[in-house]
Amino acid sequence: MKYYEEAKNSEDKRPCAGLREDLKACLLATDCVRLHKKTPKECLKSNDPSIPEECHALRVTFFECKRSLLDNRQRFRGRKGY
């Protein structure tokens, strides 16, 4: 997992970029992707048992971050995961 201070220096300047990178790295390290040759999206949809709880938590956090971009109340509080 990267710290978000390090993620600010990365090339990806999109909102929630740090969470996106962490989720991607977590999913690519699972047996579902490496051994069964499925895409990360297929592994998440099938609820594969080889995906650790950490990846599911990152998925929820990434969703909350993306949702906060549309929430007008969050404009004053700042984006999550940025």
PDB file of N, CA and C in Angstrom:
ATOM      1  N   MET A   1       0.835  -1.174   0.000  1.00  0.00           N
ATOM      2  CA  MET A   1       0.000   0.000   0.000  1.00  0.00           C
ATOM      3  C   MET A   1       0.880   1.238   0.000  1.00  0.00           C
ATOM      4  N   LYS A   2       0.509   2.186  -0.793  1.00  0.00           N
ATOM      5  CA  LYS A   2       1.256   3.431  -0.846  1.00  0.00           C
ATOM      6  C   LYS A   2       0.658   4.419   0.129  1.00  0.00           C
ATOM      7  N   TYR A   3       1.496   5.312   0.572  1.00  0.00           N
ATOM      8  CA  TYR A   3       0.984   6.416   1.363  1.00  0.00           C
ATOM      9  C   TYR A   3       0.521   7.490   0.393  1.00  0.00           C
ATOM     10  N   TYR A   4      -0.486   8.236   0.775  1.00  0.00           N
ATOM     11  CA  TYR A   4      -1.091   9.175  -0.155  1.00  0.00           C
ATOM     12  C   TYR A   4      -0.198  10.365  -0.457  1.00  0.00           C
ATOM     13  N   GLU A   5       0.778  10.646   0.403  1.00  0.00           N
ATOM     14  CA  GLU A   5       1.734  11.704   0.087  1.00  0.00           C
ATOM     15  C   GLU A   5       2.577  11.301  -1.118  1.00  0.00           C
ATOM     16  N   GLU A   6       2.920  10.005  -1.197  1.00  0.00           N
ATOM     17  CA  GLU A   6       3.682   9.508  -2.328  1.00  0.00           C
ATOM     18  C   GLU A   6       2.826   9.474  -3.584  1.00  0.00           C
ATOM     19  N   ALA A   7       1.533   9.201  -3.427  1.00  0.00           N
ATOM     20  CA  ALA A   7       0.642   9.128  -4.577  1.00  0.00           C
ATOM     21  C   ALA A   7       0.453  10.499  -5.222  1.00  0.00           C
ATOM     22  N   LYS A   8       0.615  11.573  -4.464  1.00  0.00           N
ATOM     23  CA  LYS A   8       0.471  12.908  -5.029  1.00  0.00           C
ATOM     24  C   LYS A   8       1.570  13.199  -6.040  1.00  0.00           C
ATOM     25  N   ASN A   9       2.712  12.556  -5.908  1.00  0.00           N
ATOM     26  CA  ASN A   9       3.830  12.776  -6.819  1.00  0.00           C
ATOM     27  C   ASN A   9       3.739  11.908  -8.063  1.00  0.00           C
ATOM     28  N   SER A  10       2.777  11.003  -8.122  1.00  0.00           N
ATOM     29  CA  SER A  10       2.665  10.112  -9.263  1.00  0.00           C
ATOM     30  C   SER A  10       2.098  10.851 -10.469  1.00  0.00           C
ATOM     31  N   GLU A  11       2.127  10.197 -11.602  1.00  0.00           N
ATOM     32  CA  GLU A  11       1.678  10.811 -12.844  1.00  0.00           C
ATOM     33  C   GLU A  11       0.164  10.955 -12.901  1.00  0.00           C
ATOM     34  N   ASP A  12      -0.556  10.077 -12.237  1.00  0.00           N
ATOM     35  CA  ASP A  12      -2.015  10.084 -12.279  1.00  0.00           C
ATOM     36  C   ASP A  12      -2.551  11.202 -11.391  1.00  0.00           C
ATOM     37  N   LYS A  13      -3.147  12.196 -11.994  1.00  0.00           N
ATOM     38  CA  LYS A  13      -3.660  13.344 -11.246  1.00  0.00           C
ATOM     39  C   LYS A  13      -5.175  13.286 -11.061  1.00  0.00           C
ATOM     40  N   ARG A  14      -5.797  12.152 -11.416  1.00  0.00           N
ATOM     41  CA  ARG A  14      -7.245  12.026 -11.271  1.00  0.00           C
ATOM     42  C   ARG A  14      -7.619  11.924  -9.798  1.00  0.00           C
ATOM     43  N   PRO A  15      -8.855  12.287  -9.472  1.00  0.00           N
ATOM     44  CA  PRO A  15      -9.310  12.122  -8.091  1.00  0.00           C
ATOM     45  C   PRO A  15      -9.276  10.650  -7.682  1.00  0.00           C
ATOM     46  N   CYS A  16      -8.939  10.403  -6.449  1.00  0.00           N
ATOM     47  CA  CYS A  16      -8.896   9.047  -5.872  1.00  0.00           C
ATOM     48  C   CYS A  16      -7.828   8.171  -6.533  1.00  0.00           C
ATOM     49  N   ALA A  17      -6.786   8.762  -7.085  1.00  0.00           N
ATOM     50  CA  ALA A  17      -5.757   8.011  -7.798  1.00  0.00           C
ATOM     51  C   ALA A  17      -4.998   7.062  -6.871  1.00  0.00           C
ATOM     52  N   GLY A  18      -4.747   7.486  -5.645  1.00  0.00           N
ATOM     53  CA  GLY A  18      -4.032   6.623  -4.704  1.00  0.00           C
ATOM     54  C   GLY A  18      -4.816   5.373  -4.369  1.00  0.00           C
ATOM     55  N   LEU A  19      -6.109   5.529  -4.157  1.00  0.00           N
ATOM     56  CA  LEU A  19      -6.954   4.368  -3.873  1.00  0.00           C
ATOM     57  C   LEU A  19      -7.048   3.456  -5.092  1.00  0.00           C
ATOM     58  N   ARG A  20      -7.124   4.045  -6.267  1.00  0.00           N
ATOM     59  CA  ARG A  20      -7.195   3.255  -7.502  1.00  0.00           C
ATOM     60  C   ARG A  20      -5.939   2.400  -7.641  1.00  0.00           C
ATOM     61  N   GLU A  21      -4.789   2.970  -7.390  1.00  0.00           N
ATOM     62  CA  GLU A  21      -3.522   2.224  -7.504  1.00  0.00           C
ATOM     63  C   GLU A  21      -3.448   1.108  -6.469  1.00  0.00           C
ATOM     64  N   ASP A  22      -3.881   1.397  -5.240  1.00  0.00           N
ATOM     65  CA  ASP A  22      -3.845   0.383  -4.191  1.00  0.00           C
ATOM     66  C   ASP A  22      -4.787  -0.779  -4.515  1.00  0.00           C
ATOM     67  N   LEU A  23      -5.986  -0.467  -4.997  1.00  0.00           N
ATOM     68  CA  LEU A  23      -6.941  -1.513  -5.353  1.00  0.00           C
ATOM     69  C   LEU A  23      -6.415  -2.347  -6.509  1.00  0.00           C
ATOM     70  N   LYS A  24      -5.837  -1.692  -7.480  1.00  0.00           N
ATOM     71  CA  LYS A  24      -5.286  -2.400  -8.638  1.00  0.00           C
ATOM     72  C   LYS A  24      -4.168  -3.343  -8.216  1.00  0.00           C
ATOM     73  N   ALA A  25      -3.257  -2.861  -7.381  1.00  0.00           N
ATOM     74  CA  ALA A  25      -2.144  -3.693  -6.921  1.00  0.00           C
ATOM     75  C   ALA A  25      -2.637  -4.870  -6.091  1.00  0.00           C
ATOM     76  N   CYS A  26      -3.634  -4.621  -5.266  1.00  0.00           N
ATOM     77  CA  CYS A  26      -4.181  -5.689  -4.421  1.00  0.00           C
ATOM     78  C   CYS A  26      -4.823  -6.779  -5.272  1.00  0.00           C
ATOM     79  N   LEU A  27      -5.598  -6.380  -6.269  1.00  0.00           N
ATOM     80  CA  LEU A  27      -6.274  -7.363  -7.114  1.00  0.00           C
ATOM     81  C   LEU A  27      -5.304  -8.128  -8.005  1.00  0.00           C
ATOM     82  N   LEU A  28      -4.286  -7.453  -8.503  1.00  0.00           N
ATOM     83  CA  LEU A  28      -3.332  -8.131  -9.378  1.00  0.00           C
ATOM     84  C   LEU A  28      -2.468  -9.145  -8.636  1.00  0.00           C
ATOM     85  N   ALA A  29      -2.407  -9.033  -7.322  1.00  0.00           N
ATOM     86  CA  ALA A  29      -1.608  -9.965  -6.520  1.00  0.00           C
ATOM     87  C   ALA A  29      -2.393 -11.196  -6.088  1.00  0.00           C
ATOM     88  N   THR A  30      -3.687 -11.267  -6.397  1.00  0.00           N
ATOM     89  CA  THR A  30      -4.504 -12.398  -5.958  1.00  0.00           C
ATOM     90  C   THR A  30      -4.306 -13.607  -6.856  1.00  0.00           C
ATOM     91  N   ASP A  31      -4.643 -14.786  -6.328  1.00  0.00           N
ATOM     92  CA  ASP A  31      -4.551 -16.024  -7.100  1.00  0.00           C
ATOM     93  C   ASP A  31      -5.557 -16.056  -8.236  1.00  0.00           C
ATOM     94  N   CYS A  32      -6.683 -15.401  -8.044  1.00  0.00           N
ATOM     95  CA  CYS A  32      -7.717 -15.373  -9.078  1.00  0.00           C
ATOM     96  C   CYS A  32      -7.178 -14.771 -10.367  1.00  0.00           C
ATOM     97  N   VAL A  33      -6.422 -13.709 -10.257  1.00  0.00           N
ATOM     98  CA  VAL A  33      -5.870 -13.047 -11.447  1.00  0.00           C
ATOM     99  C   VAL A  33      -4.630 -13.773 -11.938  1.00  0.00           C
ATOM    100  N   ARG A  34      -3.739 -14.140 -11.031  1.00  0.00           N
ATOM    101  CA  ARG A  34      -2.467 -14.736 -11.430  1.00  0.00           C
ATOM    102  C   ARG A  34      -2.607 -16.168 -11.938  1.00  0.00           C
ATOM    103  N   LEU A  35      -3.346 -16.991 -11.203  1.00  0.00           N
ATOM    104  CA  LEU A  35      -3.412 -18.414 -11.555  1.00  0.00           C
ATOM    105  C   LEU A  35      -4.576 -18.757 -12.475  1.00  0.00           C
ATOM    106  N   HIS A  36      -5.742 -18.167 -12.222  1.00  0.00           N
ATOM    107  CA  HIS A  36      -6.931 -18.500 -13.006  1.00  0.00           C
ATOM    108  C   HIS A  36      -7.070 -17.640 -14.256  1.00  0.00           C
ATOM    109  N   LYS A  37      -6.177 -16.646 -14.402  1.00  0.00           N
ATOM    110  CA  LYS A  37      -6.125 -15.780 -15.587  1.00  0.00           C
ATOM    111  C   LYS A  37      -7.438 -15.052 -15.854  1.00  0.00           C
ATOM    112  N   LYS A  38      -8.109 -14.635 -14.791  1.00  0.00           N
ATOM    113  CA  LYS A  38      -9.322 -13.831 -14.937  1.00  0.00           C
ATOM    114  C   LYS A  38      -8.956 -12.355 -14.803  1.00  0.00           C
ATOM    115  N   THR A  39      -9.834 -11.497 -15.278  1.00  0.00           N
ATOM    116  CA  THR A  39      -9.609 -10.066 -15.097  1.00  0.00           C
ATOM    117  C   THR A  39      -9.980  -9.694 -13.666  1.00  0.00           C
ATOM    118  N   PRO A  40      -9.440  -8.607 -13.145  1.00  0.00           N
ATOM    119  CA  PRO A  40      -9.807  -8.189 -11.789  1.00  0.00           C
ATOM    120  C   PRO A  40     -11.306  -7.946 -11.633  1.00  0.00           C
ATOM    121  N   LYS A  41     -11.938  -7.423 -12.673  1.00  0.00           N
ATOM    122  CA  LYS A  41     -13.383  -7.180 -12.624  1.00  0.00           C
ATOM    123  C   LYS A  41     -14.153  -8.495 -12.490  1.00  0.00           C
ATOM    124  N   GLU A  42     -13.748  -9.514 -13.238  1.00  0.00           N
ATOM    125  CA  GLU A  42     -14.396 -10.823 -13.153  1.00  0.00           C
ATOM    126  C   GLU A  42     -14.217 -11.424 -11.767  1.00  0.00           C
ATOM    127  N   CYS A  43     -13.044 -11.251 -11.181  1.00  0.00           N
ATOM    128  CA  CYS A  43     -12.781 -11.800  -9.852  1.00  0.00           C
ATOM    129  C   CYS A  43     -13.658 -11.125  -8.796  1.00  0.00           C
ATOM    130  N   LEU A  44     -13.822  -9.815  -8.903  1.00  0.00           N
ATOM    131  CA  LEU A  44     -14.660  -9.109  -7.938  1.00  0.00           C
ATOM    132  C   LEU A  44     -16.129  -9.491  -8.080  1.00  0.00           C
ATOM    133  N   LYS A  45     -16.595  -9.630  -9.317  1.00  0.00           N
ATOM    134  CA  LYS A  45     -18.004  -9.974  -9.538  1.00  0.00           C
ATOM    135  C   LYS A  45     -18.325 -11.391  -9.095  1.00  0.00           C
ATOM    136  N   SER A  46     -17.372 -12.302  -9.238  1.00  0.00           N
ATOM    137  CA  SER A  46     -17.625 -13.690  -8.872  1.00  0.00           C
ATOM    138  C   SER A  46     -17.420 -13.961  -7.385  1.00  0.00           C
ATOM    139  N   ASN A  47     -16.981 -12.952  -6.633  1.00  0.00           N
ATOM    140  CA  ASN A  47     -16.697 -13.108  -5.197  1.00  0.00           C
ATOM    141  C   ASN A  47     -15.771 -14.292  -4.946  1.00  0.00           C
ATOM    142  N   ASP A  48     -14.692 -14.316  -5.669  1.00  0.00           N
ATOM    143  CA  ASP A  48     -13.705 -15.382  -5.563  1.00  0.00           C
ATOM    144  C   ASP A  48     -13.145 -15.433  -4.145  1.00  0.00           C
ATOM    145  N   PRO A  49     -13.013 -16.628  -3.552  1.00  0.00           N
ATOM    146  CA  PRO A  49     -12.503 -16.719  -2.175  1.00  0.00           C
ATOM    147  C   PRO A  49     -11.025 -16.376  -2.027  1.00  0.00           C
ATOM    148  N   SER A  50     -10.286 -16.309  -3.135  1.00  0.00           N
ATOM    149  CA  SER A  50      -8.863 -15.986  -3.021  1.00  0.00           C
ATOM    150  C   SER A  50      -8.626 -14.484  -2.860  1.00  0.00           C
ATOM    151  N   ILE A  51      -9.668 -13.668  -3.006  1.00  0.00           N
ATOM    152  CA  ILE A  51      -9.516 -12.224  -2.834  1.00  0.00           C
ATOM    153  C   ILE A  51      -9.587 -11.909  -1.343  1.00  0.00           C
ATOM    154  N   PRO A  52      -8.544 -11.295  -0.805  1.00  0.00           N
ATOM    155  CA  PRO A  52      -8.542 -11.004   0.635  1.00  0.00           C
ATOM    156  C   PRO A  52      -9.535  -9.902   0.993  1.00  0.00           C
ATOM    157  N   GLU A  53      -9.856  -9.843   2.260  1.00  0.00           N
ATOM    158  CA  GLU A  53     -10.806  -8.848   2.767  1.00  0.00           C
ATOM    159  C   GLU A  53     -10.271  -7.429   2.552  1.00  0.00           C
ATOM    160  N   GLU A  54      -8.962  -7.287   2.530  1.00  0.00           N
ATOM    161  CA  GLU A  54      -8.340  -5.978   2.308  1.00  0.00           C
ATOM    162  C   GLU A  54      -8.743  -5.400   0.953  1.00  0.00           C
ATOM    163  N   CYS A  55      -8.808  -6.243  -0.072  1.00  0.00           N
ATOM    164  CA  CYS A  55      -9.199  -5.770  -1.398  1.00  0.00           C
ATOM    165  C   CYS A  55     -10.660  -5.341  -1.427  1.00  0.00           C
ATOM    166  N   HIS A  56     -11.505  -6.074  -0.728  1.00  0.00           N
ATOM    167  CA  HIS A  56     -12.913  -5.689  -0.663  1.00  0.00           C
ATOM    168  C   HIS A  56     -13.069  -4.361   0.073  1.00  0.00           C
ATOM    169  N   ALA A  57     -12.279  -4.157   1.121  1.00  0.00           N
ATOM    170  CA  ALA A  57     -12.327  -2.887   1.851  1.00  0.00           C
ATOM    171  C   ALA A  57     -11.838  -1.736   0.972  1.00  0.00           C
ATOM    172  N   LEU A  58     -10.796  -1.978   0.181  1.00  0.00           N
ATOM    173  CA  LEU A  58     -10.309  -0.953  -0.740  1.00  0.00           C
ATOM    174  C   LEU A  58     -11.347  -0.633  -1.807  1.00  0.00           C
ATOM    175  N   ARG A  59     -12.079  -1.637  -2.243  1.00  0.00           N
ATOM    176  CA  ARG A  59     -13.131  -1.418  -3.241  1.00  0.00           C
ATOM    177  C   ARG A  59     -14.220  -0.510  -2.691  1.00  0.00           C
ATOM    178  N   VAL A  60     -14.629  -0.756  -1.459  1.00  0.00           N
ATOM    179  CA  VAL A  60     -15.657   0.073  -0.833  1.00  0.00           C
ATOM    180  C   VAL A  60     -15.142   1.495  -0.625  1.00  0.00           C
ATOM    181  N   THR A  61     -13.905   1.624  -0.181  1.00  0.00           N
ATOM    182  CA  THR A  61     -13.316   2.949   0.038  1.00  0.00           C
ATOM    183  C   THR A  61     -13.183   3.707  -1.274  1.00  0.00           C
ATOM    184  N   PHE A  62     -12.803   3.018  -2.347  1.00  0.00           N
ATOM    185  CA  PHE A  62     -12.701   3.655  -3.653  1.00  0.00           C
ATOM    186  C   PHE A  62     -14.080   4.122  -4.134  1.00  0.00           C
ATOM    187  N   PHE A  63     -15.103   3.309  -3.904  1.00  0.00           N
ATOM    188  CA  PHE A  63     -16.463   3.691  -4.265  1.00  0.00           C
ATOM    189  C   PHE A  63     -16.904   4.930  -3.496  1.00  0.00           C
ATOM    190  N   GLU A  64     -16.604   4.954  -2.194  1.00  0.00           N
ATOM    191  CA  GLU A  64     -16.972   6.109  -1.376  1.00  0.00           C
ATOM    192  C   GLU A  64     -16.245   7.371  -1.845  1.00  0.00           C
ATOM    193  N   CYS A  65     -15.003   7.230  -2.247  1.00  0.00           N
ATOM    194  CA  CYS A  65     -14.235   8.362  -2.752  1.00  0.00           C
ATOM    195  C   CYS A  65     -14.865   8.898  -4.031  1.00  0.00           C
ATOM    196  N   LYS A  66     -15.199   8.009  -4.951  1.00  0.00           N
ATOM    197  CA  LYS A  66     -15.814   8.440  -6.196  1.00  0.00           C
ATOM    198  C   LYS A  66     -17.194   9.057  -5.947  1.00  0.00           C
ATOM    199  N   ARG A  67     -17.929   8.508  -5.008  1.00  0.00           N
ATOM    200  CA  ARG A  67     -19.258   9.051  -4.693  1.00  0.00           C
ATOM    201  C   ARG A  67     -19.148  10.429  -4.065  1.00  0.00           C
ATOM    202  N   SER A  68     -18.092  10.658  -3.305  1.00  0.00           N
ATOM    203  CA  SER A  68     -17.935  11.954  -2.654  1.00  0.00           C
ATOM    204  C   SER A  68     -17.693  13.073  -3.667  1.00  0.00           C
ATOM    205  N   LEU A  69     -17.249  12.716  -4.867  1.00  0.00           N
ATOM    206  CA  LEU A  69     -17.056  13.724  -5.906  1.00  0.00           C
ATOM    207  C   LEU A  69     -18.379  14.301  -6.383  1.00  0.00           C
ATOM    208  N   LEU A  70     -19.442  13.507  -6.271  1.00  0.00           N
ATOM    209  CA  LEU A  70     -20.756  13.950  -6.710  1.00  0.00           C
ATOM    210  C   LEU A  70     -21.581  14.551  -5.585  1.00  0.00           C
ATOM    211  N   ASP A  71     -21.166  14.342  -4.366  1.00  0.00           N
ATOM    212  CA  ASP A  71     -21.914  14.796  -3.198  1.00  0.00           C
ATOM    213  C   ASP A  71     -21.563  16.259  -2.905  1.00  0.00           C
ATOM    214  N   ASN A  72     -22.558  17.132  -2.973  1.00  0.00           N
ATOM    215  CA  ASN A  72     -22.312  18.558  -2.751  1.00  0.00           C
ATOM    216  C   ASN A  72     -21.860  18.858  -1.325  1.00  0.00           C
ATOM    217  N   ARG A  73     -22.238  18.033  -0.370  1.00  0.00           N
ATOM    218  CA  ARG A  73     -21.805  18.261   1.011  1.00  0.00           C
ATOM    219  C   ARG A  73     -20.304  18.043   1.162  1.00  0.00           C
ATOM    220  N   GLN A  74     -19.728  17.194   0.317  1.00  0.00           N
ATOM    221  CA  GLN A  74     -18.312  16.881   0.405  1.00  0.00           C
ATOM    222  C   GLN A  74     -17.427  17.973  -0.186  1.00  0.00           C
ATOM    223  N   ARG A  75     -18.008  18.895  -0.929  1.00  0.00           N
ATOM    224  CA  ARG A  75     -17.194  19.956  -1.523  1.00  0.00           C
ATOM    225  C   ARG A  75     -16.459  20.757  -0.461  1.00  0.00           C
ATOM    226  N   PHE A  76     -17.099  20.948   0.690  1.00  0.00           N
ATOM    227  CA  PHE A  76     -16.510  21.762   1.746  1.00  0.00           C
ATOM    228  C   PHE A  76     -15.588  20.923   2.638  1.00  0.00           C
ATOM    229  N   ARG A  77     -15.807  19.636   2.694  1.00  0.00           N
ATOM    230  CA  ARG A  77     -15.002  18.762   3.554  1.00  0.00           C
ATOM    231  C   ARG A  77     -13.760  18.254   2.855  1.00  0.00           C
ATOM    232  N   GLY A  78     -13.775  18.254   1.535  1.00  0.00           N
ATOM    233  CA  GLY A  78     -12.644  17.731   0.774  1.00  0.00           C
ATOM    234  C   GLY A  78     -12.890  16.309   0.344  1.00  0.00           C
ATOM    235  N   ARG A  79     -12.134  15.869  -0.646  1.00  0.00           N
ATOM    236  CA  ARG A  79     -12.300  14.527  -1.175  1.00  0.00           C
ATOM    237  C   ARG A  79     -11.646  13.507  -0.277  1.00  0.00           C
ATOM    238  N   LYS A  80     -12.220  12.328  -0.238  1.00  0.00           N
ATOM    239  CA  LYS A  80     -11.627  11.239   0.520  1.00  0.00           C
ATOM    240  C   LYS A  80     -10.538  10.587  -0.313  1.00  0.00           C
ATOM    241  N   GLY A  81      -9.471  10.199   0.319  1.00  0.00           N
ATOM    242  CA  GLY A  81      -8.406   9.492  -0.380  1.00  0.00           C
ATOM    243  C   GLY A  81      -7.584  10.369  -1.296  1.00  0.00           C
ATOM    244  N   TYR A  82      -7.571  11.680  -1.044  1.00  0.00           N
ATOM    245  CA  TYR A  82      -6.788  12.558  -1.893  1.00  0.00           C
ATOM    246  C   TYR A  82      -5.724  13.228  -1.094  1.00  0.00           C
TER     247      TYR A  82
END
